Each structure stands twice: as C-alpha cells, then as structure tokens.
C-alpha cells in the first residue's frame, strides 16, 4: 500500500534512525541506488508530523535488515537520514520508477547525524 497523500493518522512513535553501520562493515550488503527523478519516496514521522522524504539508497543485509537513506525536509532545513525498515514511523509514499544501479557488495561511507 502506498500513501500518495500525507497520512492522516499518528504513529505510535517517532521514526527512529538506524544505528551506526561501522559494526556491519564485514557483512554482505545489497545496495540499490536511485537517480534523481526516479527515486521511491516515504512519509517519515518526525518533529510531530509526517514529512515527505526521497529515498536515495536502500541497503539490504544478509541478516534480513533493511536501511533506507532518505533526504528529508523539516521546515527550511534539509537532512539526510538513515532509517530501519519497516517501522510504524516510516510509510511508503510511492515506488519510484526503476533502479539505476544493480546491487553491490561494497560498503558505502555514510555520515550519521
């Protein structure tokens, strides 16, 4: 199910960011990257409201964990955050159109915070 418009319900908790990836550096990871204009999107519950976020990358780990790299606007500020998937504070907005790069097994540097 995709939420093309802002959801009307409030989740049970704020969206929580993924922990630092440094402990996962030895694990196999499948990375999907998206080019501008082709990205999927998600609604993120942050700062007391639903925020529209563009998904720039998705990491899927061998242990089944999935993380989404999301560009998020809160007020006039832009943020890049990483969220675990699934969770109540992150809802799919639309699926995007296509992958631009097939999965790799390399780790991608990421700045948290």
Foldseek 3Di string as FASTA:
>chain_A
DAAQDFDDDDFPDFFDFDDDCPVVQVWFKWKFAADPPQFWWKFACDPNGTWIWTFGMWIATPVGKIKTFTWTDDPNDIDTTIGIPDDRRIGTHGHGHDTPDGTDRHDDDDDHD
